[in-house]
C-alpha atoms as a PDB file:
ATOM      1  CA  UNK A   1      26.096  -3.182  16.981  1.00  0.00           C
ATOM      2  CA  UNK A   2      28.636  -2.541  14.285  1.00  0.00           C
ATOM      3  CA  UNK A   3      28.886  -4.921  11.336  1.00  0.00           C
ATOM      4  CA  UNK A   4      32.091  -6.703  10.434  1.00  0.00           C
ATOM      5  CA  UNK A   5      32.059  -6.375   6.650  1.00  0.00           C
ATOM      6  CA  UNK A   6      33.873  -8.480   4.074  1.00  0.00           C
ATOM      7  CA  UNK A   7      34.705  -8.159   0.415  1.00  0.00           C
ATOM      8  CA  UNK A   8      32.105  -9.006  -2.189  1.00  0.00           C
ATOM      9  CA  UNK A   9      32.015 -12.651  -3.266  1.00  0.00           C
ATOM     10  CA  UNK A  10      31.067 -13.985  -6.663  1.00  0.00           C
ATOM     11  CA  UNK A  11      28.171 -16.079  -5.472  1.00  0.00           C
ATOM     12  CA  UNK A  12      24.475 -16.124  -6.254  1.00  0.00           C
ATOM     13  CA  UNK A  13      22.137 -16.420  -3.276  1.00  0.00           C
ATOM     14  CA  UNK A  14      18.382 -16.823  -3.624  1.00  0.00           C
ATOM     15  CA  UNK A  15      15.991 -16.169  -0.758  1.00  0.00           C
ATOM     16  CA  UNK A  16      12.905 -18.332  -1.300  1.00  0.00           C
ATOM     17  CA  UNK A  17       9.616 -17.225   0.247  1.00  0.00           C
ATOM     18  CA  UNK A  18       6.399 -19.206   0.137  1.00  0.00           C
ATOM     19  CA  UNK A  19       4.172 -16.127  -0.219  1.00  0.00           C
ATOM     20  CA  UNK A  20       4.496 -12.357  -0.098  1.00  0.00           C
ATOM     21  CA  UNK A  21       2.854 -12.293   3.348  1.00  0.00           C
ATOM     22  CA  UNK A  22       4.527 -10.331   6.129  1.00  0.00           C
ATOM     23  CA  UNK A  23       5.320 -12.437   9.170  1.00  0.00           C
ATOM     24  CA  UNK A  24       8.116 -13.480  11.501  1.00  0.00           C
ATOM     25  CA  UNK A  25       9.713 -15.954   9.106  1.00  0.00           C
ATOM     26  CA  UNK A  26       9.614 -13.432   6.273  1.00  0.00           C
ATOM     27  CA  UNK A  27      11.144 -10.816   8.558  1.00  0.00           C
ATOM     28  CA  UNK A  28      14.085 -13.119   9.281  1.00  0.00           C
ATOM     29  CA  UNK A  29      14.619 -13.679   5.554  1.00  0.00           C
ATOM     30  CA  UNK A  30      14.556  -9.919   4.969  1.00  0.00           C
ATOM     31  CA  UNK A  31      17.149  -9.431   7.722  1.00  0.00           C
ATOM     32  CA  UNK A  32      19.419 -12.073   6.176  1.00  0.00           C
ATOM     33  CA  UNK A  33      19.061 -10.567   2.702  1.00  0.00           C
ATOM     34  CA  UNK A  34      19.768  -7.039   3.934  1.00  0.00           C
ATOM     35  CA  UNK A  35      22.977  -8.088   5.678  1.00  0.00           C
ATOM     36  CA  UNK A  36      24.250 -10.313   2.859  1.00  0.00           C
ATOM     37  CA  UNK A  37      23.700  -7.649   0.218  1.00  0.00           C
ATOM     38  CA  UNK A  38      24.527  -4.421   2.016  1.00  0.00           C
ATOM     39  CA  UNK A  39      27.417  -5.653   4.148  1.00  0.00           C
ATOM     40  CA  UNK A  40      28.932  -8.715   2.513  1.00  0.00           C
ATOM     41  CA  UNK A  41      28.292  -7.479  -1.018  1.00  0.00           C
ATOM     42  CA  UNK A  42      26.614 -10.733  -2.010  1.00  0.00           C
ATOM     43  CA  UNK A  43      24.393 -11.032  -5.054  1.00  0.00           C
ATOM     44  CA  UNK A  44      21.009 -11.780  -3.477  1.00  0.00           C
ATOM     45  CA  UNK A  45      17.579 -12.113  -5.048  1.00  0.00           C
ATOM     46  CA  UNK A  46      14.188 -13.033  -3.615  1.00  0.00           C
ATOM     47  CA  UNK A  47      11.732 -15.405  -5.272  1.00  0.00           C
ATOM     48  CA  UNK A  48       8.178 -15.856  -3.996  1.00  0.00           C
ATOM     49  CA  UNK A  49       6.598 -19.276  -4.500  1.00  0.00           C
ATOM     50  CA  UNK A  50       2.813 -19.101  -4.153  1.00  0.00           C
ATOM     51  CA  UNK A  51       1.126 -22.211  -2.805  1.00  0.00           C
ATOM     52  CA  UNK A  52      -1.868 -23.115  -4.976  1.00  0.00           C
ATOM     53  CA  UNK A  53      -3.880 -26.259  -5.593  1.00  0.00           C
ATOM     54  CA  UNK A  54      -4.613 -26.090  -9.311  1.00  0.00           C
ATOM     55  CA  UNK A  55      -2.565 -28.125 -11.777  1.00  0.00           C
ATOM     56  CA  UNK A  56      -1.806 -25.018 -13.819  1.00  0.00           C
ATOM     57  CA  UNK A  57      -0.343 -23.203 -10.836  1.00  0.00           C
ATOM     58  CA  UNK A  58       1.557 -26.295  -9.715  1.00  0.00           C
ATOM     59  CA  UNK A  59       3.244 -26.438 -13.114  1.00  0.00           C
ATOM     60  CA  UNK A  60       4.240 -22.778 -12.748  1.00  0.00           C
ATOM     61  CA  UNK A  61       5.614 -23.484  -9.298  1.00  0.00           C
ATOM     62  CA  UNK A  62       7.597 -26.462 -10.565  1.00  0.00           C
ATOM     63  CA  UNK A  63       9.146 -24.344 -13.313  1.00  0.00           C
ATOM     64  CA  UNK A  64       9.969 -21.595 -10.838  1.00  0.00           C
ATOM     65  CA  UNK A  65      11.609 -23.987  -8.352  1.00  0.00           C
ATOM     66  CA  UNK A  66      13.694 -25.638 -11.094  1.00  0.00           C
ATOM     67  CA  UNK A  67      14.832 -22.192 -12.192  1.00  0.00           C
ATOM     68  CA  UNK A  68      15.891 -21.331  -8.638  1.00  0.00           C
ATOM     69  CA  UNK A  69      17.896 -24.548  -8.336  1.00  0.00           C
ATOM     70  CA  UNK A  70      19.813 -24.042 -11.570  1.00  0.00           C
ATOM     71  CA  UNK A  71      20.533 -20.332 -11.104  1.00  0.00           C
ATOM     72  CA  UNK A  72      21.672 -20.333  -7.458  1.00  0.00           C
ATOM     73  CA  UNK A  73      24.794 -21.242  -5.526  1.00  0.00           C
ATOM     74  CA  UNK A  74      23.054 -20.810  -2.163  1.00  0.00           C
ATOM     75  CA  UNK A  75      19.317 -21.094  -1.471  1.00  0.00           C
ATOM     76  CA  UNK A  76      17.802 -19.969   1.828  1.00  0.00           C
ATOM     77  CA  UNK A  77      14.287 -21.051   2.809  1.00  0.00           C
ATOM     78  CA  UNK A  78      12.265 -20.531   5.978  1.00  0.00           C
ATOM     79  CA  UNK A  79       9.207 -22.643   5.228  1.00  0.00           C
ATOM     80  CA  UNK A  80       8.812 -26.410   5.408  1.00  0.00           C
ATOM     81  CA  UNK A  81       6.770 -26.179   2.188  1.00  0.00           C
ATOM     82  CA  UNK A  82       9.466 -24.444   0.152  1.00  0.00           C
ATOM     83  CA  UNK A  83      12.246 -26.545   1.679  1.00  0.00           C
ATOM     84  CA  UNK A  84      10.460 -29.802   0.796  1.00  0.00           C
ATOM     85  CA  UNK A  85       9.810 -28.545  -2.747  1.00  0.00           C
ATOM     86  CA  UNK A  86      13.492 -27.755  -3.113  1.00  0.00           C
ATOM     87  CA  UNK A  87      14.394 -31.223  -1.860  1.00  0.00           C
ATOM     88  CA  UNK A  88      11.978 -32.892  -4.283  1.00  0.00           C
ATOM     89  CA  UNK A  89      13.308 -31.102  -7.364  1.00  0.00           C
ATOM     90  CA  UNK A  90      16.951 -31.244  -6.277  1.00  0.00           C
ATOM     91  CA  UNK A  91      16.693 -35.024  -6.093  1.00  0.00           C
ATOM     92  CA  UNK A  92      15.971 -34.980  -9.840  1.00  0.00           C
ATOM     93  CA  UNK A  93      18.320 -32.172 -10.865  1.00  0.00           C
ATOM     94  CA  UNK A  94      21.933 -32.034 -12.022  1.00  0.00           C
ATOM     95  CA  UNK A  95      22.726 -29.133  -9.724  1.00  0.00           C
ATOM     96  CA  UNK A  96      24.181 -28.888  -6.265  1.00  0.00           C
ATOM     97  CA  UNK A  97      23.440 -25.561  -4.562  1.00  0.00           C
ATOM     98  CA  UNK A  98      23.843 -25.218  -0.817  1.00  0.00           C
ATOM     99  CA  UNK A  99      20.382 -25.187   0.769  1.00  0.00           C
ATOM    100  CA  UNK A 100      19.742 -23.569   4.144  1.00  0.00           C
ATOM    101  CA  UNK A 101      16.391 -24.731   5.507  1.00  0.00           C
ATOM    102  CA  UNK A 102      15.478 -22.625   8.530  1.00  0.00           C
ATOM    103  CA  UNK A 103      12.555 -24.065  10.494  1.00  0.00           C
ATOM    104  CA  UNK A 104      10.015 -21.323  11.210  1.00  0.00           C
ATOM    105  CA  UNK A 105       7.946 -23.254  13.759  1.00  0.00           C
ATOM    106  CA  UNK A 106       8.155 -26.411  15.863  1.00  0.00           C
ATOM    107  CA  UNK A 107       5.675 -28.500  13.887  1.00  0.00           C
ATOM    108  CA  UNK A 108       6.254 -31.596  16.046  1.00  0.00           C
ATOM    109  CA  UNK A 109       5.149 -29.668  19.120  1.00  0.00           C
ATOM    110  CA  UNK A 110       2.484 -27.537  17.473  1.00  0.00           C
ATOM    111  CA  UNK A 111       0.507 -30.043  15.386  1.00  0.00           C
ATOM    112  CA  UNK A 112      -1.242 -33.342  16.023  1.00  0.00           C
ATOM    113  CA  UNK A 113      -3.135 -35.975  14.050  1.00  0.00           C
ATOM    114  CA  UNK A 114      -3.466 -35.575  10.285  1.00  0.00           C
ATOM    115  CA  UNK A 115      -1.770 -32.169  10.289  1.00  0.00           C
ATOM    116  CA  UNK A 116       1.340 -33.652  11.899  1.00  0.00           C
ATOM    117  CA  UNK A 117       1.330 -36.575   9.471  1.00  0.00           C
ATOM    118  CA  UNK A 118       1.234 -34.078   6.588  1.00  0.00           C
ATOM    119  CA  UNK A 119       4.306 -32.275   7.873  1.00  0.00           C
ATOM    120  CA  UNK A 120       6.157 -35.538   8.498  1.00  0.00           C
ATOM    121  CA  UNK A 121       5.576 -36.403   4.836  1.00  0.00           C
ATOM    122  CA  UNK A 122       7.056 -33.044   3.831  1.00  0.00           C
ATOM    123  CA  UNK A 123      10.159 -33.761   5.917  1.00  0.00           C
ATOM    124  CA  UNK A 124      10.644 -36.929   3.852  1.00  0.00           C
ATOM    125  CA  UNK A 125      11.773 -34.709   0.947  1.00  0.00           C
ATOM    126  CA  UNK A 126      14.504 -32.953   2.928  1.00  0.00           C
ATOM    127  CA  UNK A 127      17.931 -33.990   1.622  1.00  0.00           C
ATOM    128  CA  UNK A 128      20.659 -35.158   3.988  1.00  0.00           C
ATOM    129  CA  UNK A 129      23.043 -32.395   2.925  1.00  0.00           C
ATOM    130  CA  UNK A 130      20.556 -29.603   3.696  1.00  0.00           C
ATOM    131  CA  UNK A 131      21.781 -27.192   6.354  1.00  0.00           C
ATOM    132  CA  UNK A 132      18.836 -27.350   8.744  1.00  0.00           C
ATOM    133  CA  UNK A 133      18.562 -24.476  11.216  1.00  0.00           C
ATOM    134  CA  UNK A 134      16.457 -24.831  14.375  1.00  0.00           C
ATOM    135  CA  UNK A 135      15.564 -21.808  16.484  1.00  0.00           C
ATOM    136  CA  UNK A 136      15.830 -23.554  19.869  1.00  0.00           C
ATOM    137  CA  UNK A 137      17.287 -26.709  21.421  1.00  0.00           C
ATOM    138  CA  UNK A 138      13.771 -28.027  21.968  1.00  0.00           C
ATOM    139  CA  UNK A 139      12.957 -27.579  18.275  1.00  0.00           C
ATOM    140  CA  UNK A 140      16.179 -29.360  17.327  1.00  0.00           C
ATOM    141  CA  UNK A 141      15.371 -32.276  19.626  1.00  0.00           C
ATOM    142  CA  UNK A 142      11.880 -32.578  18.176  1.00  0.00           C
ATOM    143  CA  UNK A 143      13.267 -32.567  14.632  1.00  0.00           C
ATOM    144  CA  UNK A 144      15.559 -35.430  15.619  1.00  0.00           C
ATOM    145  CA  UNK A 145      12.442 -37.485  16.410  1.00  0.00           C
ATOM    146  CA  UNK A 146      11.608 -37.472  12.685  1.00  0.00           C
ATOM    147  CA  UNK A 147      15.187 -38.082  11.576  1.00  0.00           C
ATOM    148  CA  UNK A 148      16.158 -34.467  10.895  1.00  0.00           C
ATOM    149  CA  UNK A 149      19.600 -33.377  12.103  1.00  0.00           C
ATOM    150  CA  UNK A 150      19.768 -29.633  12.712  1.00  0.00           C
ATOM    151  CA  UNK A 151      21.973 -26.871  14.055  1.00  0.00           C
ATOM    152  CA  UNK A 152      20.597 -24.498  16.680  1.00  0.00           C
ATOM    153  CA  UNK A 153      21.148 -20.847  15.766  1.00  0.00           C
ATOM    154  CA  UNK A 154      19.313 -18.044  17.543  1.00  0.00           C
ATOM    155  CA  UNK A 155      17.105 -15.900  15.350  1.00  0.00           C
ATOM    156  CA  UNK A 156      19.106 -13.077  13.776  1.00  0.00           C
ATOM    157  CA  UNK A 157      18.280  -9.522  14.618  1.00  0.00           C
ATOM    158  CA  UNK A 158      19.266  -6.352  12.766  1.00  0.00           C
ATOM    159  CA  UNK A 159      18.211  -3.181  14.539  1.00  0.00           C
ATOM    160  CA  UNK A 160      19.488  -1.057  11.635  1.00  0.00           C
ATOM    161  CA  UNK A 161      16.453  -2.182   9.642  1.00  0.00           C
ATOM    162  CA  UNK A 162      13.988  -0.591  12.080  1.00  0.00           C
ATOM    163  CA  UNK A 163      12.176   2.446  10.705  1.00  0.00           C
ATOM    164  CA  UNK A 164      10.934   4.646  13.512  1.00  0.00           C
ATOM    165  CA  UNK A 165       8.905   7.247  11.623  1.00  0.00           C
ATOM    166  CA  UNK A 166       7.400  10.144  13.567  1.00  0.00           C
ATOM    167  CA  UNK A 167       7.723   8.961  17.161  1.00  0.00           C
ATOM    168  CA  UNK A 168       6.761  12.382  18.541  1.00  0.00           C
ATOM    169  CA  UNK A 169       3.437  12.182  16.738  1.00  0.00           C
ATOM    170  CA  UNK A 170       2.674   8.792  18.277  1.00  0.00           C
ATOM    171  CA  UNK A 171       3.450  10.075  21.759  1.00  0.00           C
ATOM    172  CA  UNK A 172       1.267  13.165  21.311  1.00  0.00           C
ATOM    173  CA  UNK A 173      -1.736  11.285  19.950  1.00  0.00           C
ATOM    174  CA  UNK A 174      -1.929   8.573  22.578  1.00  0.00           C
ATOM    175  CA  UNK A 175      -2.386   8.112  26.280  1.00  0.00           C
ATOM    176  CA  UNK A 176      -0.350   5.341  27.949  1.00  0.00           C
ATOM    177  CA  UNK A 177      -1.191   2.037  26.293  1.00  0.00           C
ATOM    178  CA  UNK A 178      -0.356  -1.649  26.199  1.00  0.00           C
ATOM    179  CA  UNK A 179       0.745  -2.922  22.787  1.00  0.00           C
ATOM    180  CA  UNK A 180       0.567  -6.342  21.165  1.00  0.00           C
ATOM    181  CA  UNK A 181       1.668  -7.101  17.603  1.00  0.00           C
ATOM    182  CA  UNK A 182       1.059 -10.200  15.503  1.00  0.00           C
ATOM    183  CA  UNK A 183      -1.173 -12.145  13.177  1.00  0.00           C
ATOM    184  CA  UNK A 184      -4.671 -12.536  14.600  1.00  0.00           C
ATOM    185  CA  UNK A 185      -4.760 -16.307  14.961  1.00  0.00           C
ATOM    186  CA  UNK A 186      -5.621 -18.446  17.980  1.00  0.00           C
ATOM    187  CA  UNK A 187      -2.097 -19.525  18.811  1.00  0.00           C
ATOM    188  CA  UNK A 188      -1.075 -15.880  19.394  1.00  0.00           C
ATOM    189  CA  UNK A 189      -3.268 -15.679  22.500  1.00  0.00           C
ATOM    190  CA  UNK A 190      -4.842 -12.270  21.916  1.00  0.00           C
ATOM    191  CA  UNK A 191      -8.050 -13.569  23.499  1.00  0.00           C
ATOM    192  CA  UNK A 192      -6.089 -14.270  26.687  1.00  0.00           C
ATOM    193  CA  UNK A 193      -4.550 -10.811  26.579  1.00  0.00           C
ATOM    194  CA  UNK A 194      -7.917  -9.049  26.191  1.00  0.00           C
ATOM    195  CA  UNK A 195      -9.298 -10.881  29.221  1.00  0.00           C
ATOM    196  CA  UNK A 196      -6.125 -10.137  31.195  1.00  0.00           C
ATOM    197  CA  UNK A 197      -6.282  -6.472  30.183  1.00  0.00           C
ATOM    198  CA  UNK A 198      -9.813  -6.320  31.609  1.00  0.00           C
ATOM    199  CA  UNK A 199      -8.407  -7.468  34.979  1.00  0.00           C
ATOM    200  CA  UNK A 200      -5.917  -4.627  35.403  1.00  0.00           C
ATOM    201  CA  UNK A 201      -6.481  -0.887  35.794  1.00  0.00           C
ATOM    202  CA  UNK A 202      -3.014   0.640  35.472  1.00  0.00           C
ATOM    203  CA  UNK A 203      -3.204   1.249  31.716  1.00  0.00           C
ATOM    204  CA  UNK A 204      -6.539   2.169  30.153  1.00  0.00           C
ATOM    205  CA  UNK A 205      -5.870   1.350  26.485  1.00  0.00           C
ATOM    206  CA  UNK A 206      -4.830  -1.820  24.641  1.00  0.00           C
ATOM    207  CA  UNK A 207      -3.678  -1.482  21.043  1.00  0.00           C
ATOM    208  CA  UNK A 208      -3.389  -4.578  18.844  1.00  0.00           C
ATOM    209  CA  UNK A 209      -1.506  -4.322  15.545  1.00  0.00           C
ATOM    210  CA  UNK A 210      -2.108  -7.054  12.986  1.00  0.00           C
ATOM    211  CA  UNK A 211      -4.799  -8.720  10.944  1.00  0.00           C
ATOM    212  CA  UNK A 212      -6.023 -12.253  10.527  1.00  0.00           C
ATOM    213  CA  UNK A 213      -8.998 -14.628  10.676  1.00  0.00           C
ATOM    214  CA  UNK A 214      -9.641 -14.166  14.418  1.00  0.00           C
ATOM    215  CA  UNK A 215     -10.465 -10.450  14.157  1.00  0.00           C
ATOM    216  CA  UNK A 216     -14.248 -10.843  14.398  1.00  0.00           C
ATOM    217  CA  UNK A 217     -13.958 -13.288  17.304  1.00  0.00           C
ATOM    218  CA  UNK A 218     -11.649 -10.926  19.163  1.00  0.00           C
ATOM    219  CA  UNK A 219     -14.036  -8.024  18.627  1.00  0.00           C
ATOM    220  CA  UNK A 220     -16.805 -10.225  20.011  1.00  0.00           C
ATOM    221  CA  UNK A 221     -14.614 -10.831  23.056  1.00  0.00           C
ATOM    222  CA  UNK A 222     -14.357  -7.090  23.603  1.00  0.00           C
ATOM    223  CA  UNK A 223     -18.045  -6.121  23.271  1.00  0.00           C
ATOM    224  CA  UNK A 224     -19.583  -7.950  26.273  1.00  0.00           C
ATOM    225  CA  UNK A 225     -16.951  -6.454  28.573  1.00  0.00           C
ATOM    226  CA  UNK A 226     -17.719  -2.907  27.363  1.00  0.00           C
ATOM    227  CA  UNK A 227     -14.120  -2.512  26.272  1.00  0.00           C
ATOM    228  CA  UNK A 228     -14.773  -1.250  22.745  1.00  0.00           C
ATOM    229  CA  UNK A 229     -13.513   2.223  23.624  1.00  0.00           C
ATOM    230  CA  UNK A 230     -10.419   0.803  25.333  1.00  0.00           C
ATOM    231  CA  UNK A 231      -9.274  -1.922  22.925  1.00  0.00           C
ATOM    232  CA  UNK A 232      -8.126  -0.633  19.528  1.00  0.00           C
ATOM    233  CA  UNK A 233      -7.595  -2.972  16.576  1.00  0.00           C
ATOM    234  CA  UNK A 234      -5.218  -1.020  14.342  1.00  0.00           C
ATOM    235  CA  UNK A 235      -4.858  -3.574  11.546  1.00  0.00           C
ATOM    236  CA  UNK A 236      -1.621  -4.358   9.767  1.00  0.00           C
ATOM    237  CA  UNK A 237       1.111  -1.718  10.045  1.00  0.00           C
ATOM    238  CA  UNK A 238       4.175  -1.876   7.812  1.00  0.00           C
ATOM    239  CA  UNK A 239       6.011   0.163  10.433  1.00  0.00           C
ATOM    240  CA  UNK A 240       4.881  -0.798  13.972  1.00  0.00           C
ATOM    241  CA  UNK A 241       8.116   0.382  15.603  1.00  0.00           C
ATOM    242  CA  UNK A 242       7.008   3.850  16.767  1.00  0.00           C
ATOM    243  CA  UNK A 243       4.086   2.165  18.540  1.00  0.00           C
ATOM    244  CA  UNK A 244       6.488  -0.263  20.222  1.00  0.00           C
ATOM    245  CA  UNK A 245       8.797   2.534  21.348  1.00  0.00           C
ATOM    246  CA  UNK A 246       6.004   4.686  22.780  1.00  0.00           C
ATOM    247  CA  UNK A 247       4.032   1.932  24.536  1.00  0.00           C
ATOM    248  CA  UNK A 248       3.817   1.676  28.309  1.00  0.00           C
ATOM    249  CA  UNK A 249       4.138  -2.110  28.010  1.00  0.00           C
ATOM    250  CA  UNK A 250       4.811  -4.368  25.018  1.00  0.00           C
ATOM    251  CA  UNK A 251       3.306  -7.856  25.263  1.00  0.00           C
ATOM    252  CA  UNK A 252       3.751 -11.227  23.582  1.00  0.00           C
ATOM    253  CA  UNK A 253       0.732 -13.326  24.635  1.00  0.00           C
ATOM    254  CA  UNK A 254       1.287 -16.423  22.467  1.00  0.00           C
ATOM    255  CA  UNK A 255       0.290 -19.892  23.558  1.00  0.00           C
ATOM    256  CA  UNK A 256       3.160 -21.332  21.504  1.00  0.00           C
ATOM    257  CA  UNK A 257       5.905 -20.021  19.203  1.00  0.00           C
ATOM    258  CA  UNK A 258       8.926 -21.182  17.247  1.00  0.00           C
ATOM    259  CA  UNK A 259      10.555 -18.057  18.627  1.00  0.00           C
ATOM    260  CA  UNK A 260       8.754 -14.693  18.465  1.00  0.00           C
ATOM    261  CA  UNK A 261      10.850 -12.341  16.339  1.00  0.00           C
ATOM    262  CA  UNK A 262       8.604  -9.480  17.391  1.00  0.00           C
ATOM    263  CA  UNK A 263       9.968 -10.003  20.892  1.00  0.00           C
ATOM    264  CA  UNK A 264      13.451  -8.969  19.730  1.00  0.00           C
ATOM    265  CA  UNK A 265      12.066  -5.779  18.203  1.00  0.00           C
ATOM    266  CA  UNK A 266      10.215  -4.994  21.406  1.00  0.00           C
ATOM    267  CA  UNK A 267      13.374  -5.553  23.456  1.00  0.00           C
ATOM    268  CA  UNK A 268      15.239  -3.136  21.196  1.00  0.00           C
ATOM    269  CA  UNK A 269      12.652  -0.406  21.554  1.00  0.00           C
ATOM    270  CA  UNK A 270      11.065  -0.716  24.984  1.00  0.00           C
ATOM    271  CA  UNK A 271      12.190  -1.341  28.565  1.00  0.00           C
ATOM    272  CA  UNK A 272       8.833  -2.779  29.646  1.00  0.00           C
ATOM    273  CA  UNK A 273       8.323  -6.113  27.845  1.00  0.00           C
ATOM    274  CA  UNK A 274       6.170  -9.033  28.997  1.00  0.00           C
ATOM    275  CA  UNK A 275       6.244 -12.403  27.225  1.00  0.00           C
ATOM    276  CA  UNK A 276       4.430 -15.648  27.907  1.00  0.00           C
ATOM    277  CA  UNK A 277       6.499 -18.805  28.321  1.00  0.00           C
ATOM    278  CA  UNK A 278       5.519 -19.733  24.780  1.00  0.00           C
ATOM    279  CA  UNK A 279       8.859 -21.265  23.819  1.00  0.00           C
ATOM    280  CA  UNK A 280      11.935 -22.666  25.464  1.00  0.00           C
ATOM    281  CA  UNK A 281      14.458 -20.039  26.468  1.00  0.00           C
ATOM    282  CA  UNK A 282      12.337 -16.939  27.032  1.00  0.00           C
ATOM    283  CA  UNK A 283      12.522 -17.404  30.802  1.00  0.00           C
ATOM    284  CA  UNK A 284      16.302 -17.031  30.501  1.00  0.00           C
ATOM    285  CA  UNK A 285      16.131 -13.634  28.786  1.00  0.00           C
ATOM    286  CA  UNK A 286      17.259 -11.234  31.520  1.00  0.00           C
ATOM    287  CA  UNK A 287      15.784  -8.054  30.040  1.00  0.00           C
ATOM    288  CA  UNK A 288      12.102  -9.069  29.930  1.00  0.00           C
ATOM    289  CA  UNK A 289       9.417 -10.347  32.305  1.00  0.00           C
ATOM    290  CA  UNK A 290       7.678 -13.659  31.669  1.00  0.00           C
ATOM    291  CA  UNK A 291       4.410 -15.272  32.669  1.00  0.00           C
ATOM    292  CA  UNK A 292       2.303 -18.320  31.887  1.00  0.00           C
ATOM    293  CA  UNK A 293      -0.040 -18.276  28.891  1.00  0.00           C
ATOM    294  CA  UNK A 294      -3.134 -17.847  31.049  1.00  0.00           C
ATOM    295  CA  UNK A 295      -5.463 -14.948  31.814  1.00  0.00           C
ATOM    296  CA  UNK A 296      -4.538 -14.788  35.501  1.00  0.00           C
ATOM    297  CA  UNK A 297      -0.793 -14.925  34.876  1.00  0.00           C
ATOM    298  CA  UNK A 298      -0.919 -12.343  32.093  1.00  0.00           C
ATOM    299  CA  UNK A 299      -3.007  -9.986  34.237  1.00  0.00           C
ATOM    300  CA  UNK A 300      -0.556 -10.228  37.132  1.00  0.00           C
ATOM    301  CA  UNK A 301       2.350  -9.858  34.731  1.00  0.00           C
ATOM    302  CA  UNK A 302       0.929  -6.618  33.340  1.00  0.00           C
ATOM    303  CA  UNK A 303       0.600  -5.229  36.855  1.00  0.00           C
ATOM    304  CA  UNK A 304       4.121  -6.295  37.853  1.00  0.00           C
ATOM    305  CA  UNK A 305       5.762  -4.899  34.702  1.00  0.00           C
ATOM    306  CA  UNK A 306       3.948  -1.592  35.044  1.00  0.00           C
ATOM    307  CA  UNK A 307       5.185  -1.188  38.617  1.00  0.00           C
ATOM    308  CA  UNK A 308       8.869  -1.908  37.979  1.00  0.00           C
ATOM    309  CA  UNK A 309      11.464   0.443  36.454  1.00  0.00           C
ATOM    310  CA  UNK A 310      12.180  -0.017  32.733  1.00  0.00           C
ATOM    311  CA  UNK A 311      15.195  -2.110  31.757  1.00  0.00           C
ATOM    312  CA  UNK A 312      17.942   0.182  30.522  1.00  0.00           C
ATOM    313  CA  UNK A 313      18.675   0.551  26.840  1.00  0.00           C
ATOM    314  CA  UNK A 314      22.309  -0.426  27.438  1.00  0.00           C
ATOM    315  CA  UNK A 315      21.347  -3.782  28.975  1.00  0.00           C
ATOM    316  CA  UNK A 316      18.812  -4.512  26.240  1.00  0.00           C
ATOM    317  CA  UNK A 317      21.246  -3.722  23.433  1.00  0.00           C
ATOM    318  CA  UNK A 318      23.966  -5.787  25.099  1.00  0.00           C
ATOM    319  CA  UNK A 319      21.647  -8.806  25.274  1.00  0.00           C
ATOM    320  CA  UNK A 320      20.673  -8.514  21.592  1.00  0.00           C
ATOM    321  CA  UNK A 321      24.269  -8.106  20.435  1.00  0.00           C
ATOM    322  CA  UNK A 322      25.510 -11.110  22.393  1.00  0.00           C
ATOM    323  CA  UNK A 323      22.645 -13.479  21.602  1.00  0.00           C
ATOM    324  CA  UNK A 324      20.924 -12.479  18.347  1.00  0.00           C
ATOM    325  CA  UNK A 325      23.519 -10.810  16.155  1.00  0.00           C
ATOM    326  CA  UNK A 326      22.977 -11.232  12.412  1.00  0.00           C
ATOM    327  CA  UNK A 327      26.777 -11.401  12.146  1.00  0.00           C
ATOM    328  CA  UNK A 328      26.890 -14.463  14.404  1.00  0.00           C
ATOM    329  CA  UNK A 329      23.986 -16.070  12.522  1.00  0.00           C
ATOM    330  CA  UNK A 330      25.792 -15.794   9.192  1.00  0.00           C
ATOM    331  CA  UNK A 331      29.075 -16.989  10.690  1.00  0.00           C
ATOM    332  CA  UNK A 332      27.419 -20.100  12.149  1.00  0.00           C
ATOM    333  CA  UNK A 333      25.994 -21.000   8.747  1.00  0.00           C
ATOM    334  CA  UNK A 334      29.634 -21.445   7.676  1.00  0.00           C
ATOM    335  CA  UNK A 335      28.865 -20.560   4.050  1.00  0.00           C
ATOM    336  CA  UNK A 336      29.866 -16.938   3.600  1.00  0.00           C
ATOM    337  CA  UNK A 337      33.529 -17.262   4.551  1.00  0.00           C
END
């Protein structure tokens, strides 16, 4: 995956993040920033906008957002909150930066009731000249239901950013294991995975990397099944890639996703990847196995993946290059030309 590099351009790009949390959306923004700066020679900065409820903090946020608008030629956001804030202040500003609003999740599909109404209100502040990026056709169609016109661009992937660390150490310290990575929240389906893991005997250890509010509930799920010695909660890891590379099976167990960026990392590093049908399009990925987001389907999927040969590195890399290249993502934005 070689980059096609261009000459430096006199343009100021600001990457706007809602918080300094580490997640899929933030990973995409980091990938975009890395490519723009290190390959295209763009001037790129990152600004974190913290969401707070107090008036004092809101005034700080307002000042920060106005500063971003007046000091940037291009602004890239991956949060409905930051994108709506940009729209609100741009409507009152004498500035005209290009705004790329990448949707990080399918809120129309994911939320209901008052939560959905809240997000629909936020979409009201999107400006018509925003460049809206949807991750899938389904997401784009759902956005159209609330009057948002978007362009579908697959999530960008940059394998050069992966930091492997001491892979030999990981292999020496561990028996064969199943690996899952993500924030410990209900929608990620770790409870389903733990139950499915209990129903298979091929691999004796399940490692879960990540933290979040569901940790205590997940530990409670483990205890009655006497799995405490077999299920390891490793917490947040800034560099999970050696674990992905050394795992017997990498699993995405989500009930629903915008598109799981962790899946692309797993494809890069491992030939045994299982993913639930958590979003449109995963069933069409030829280098992974898929299953329903249910205990029975996950359990059978783990058994099937374990018993088949690994997908070759050449096939996996070819898929990523053709479908998730950061070069193609930037080209489709039609800004950095």
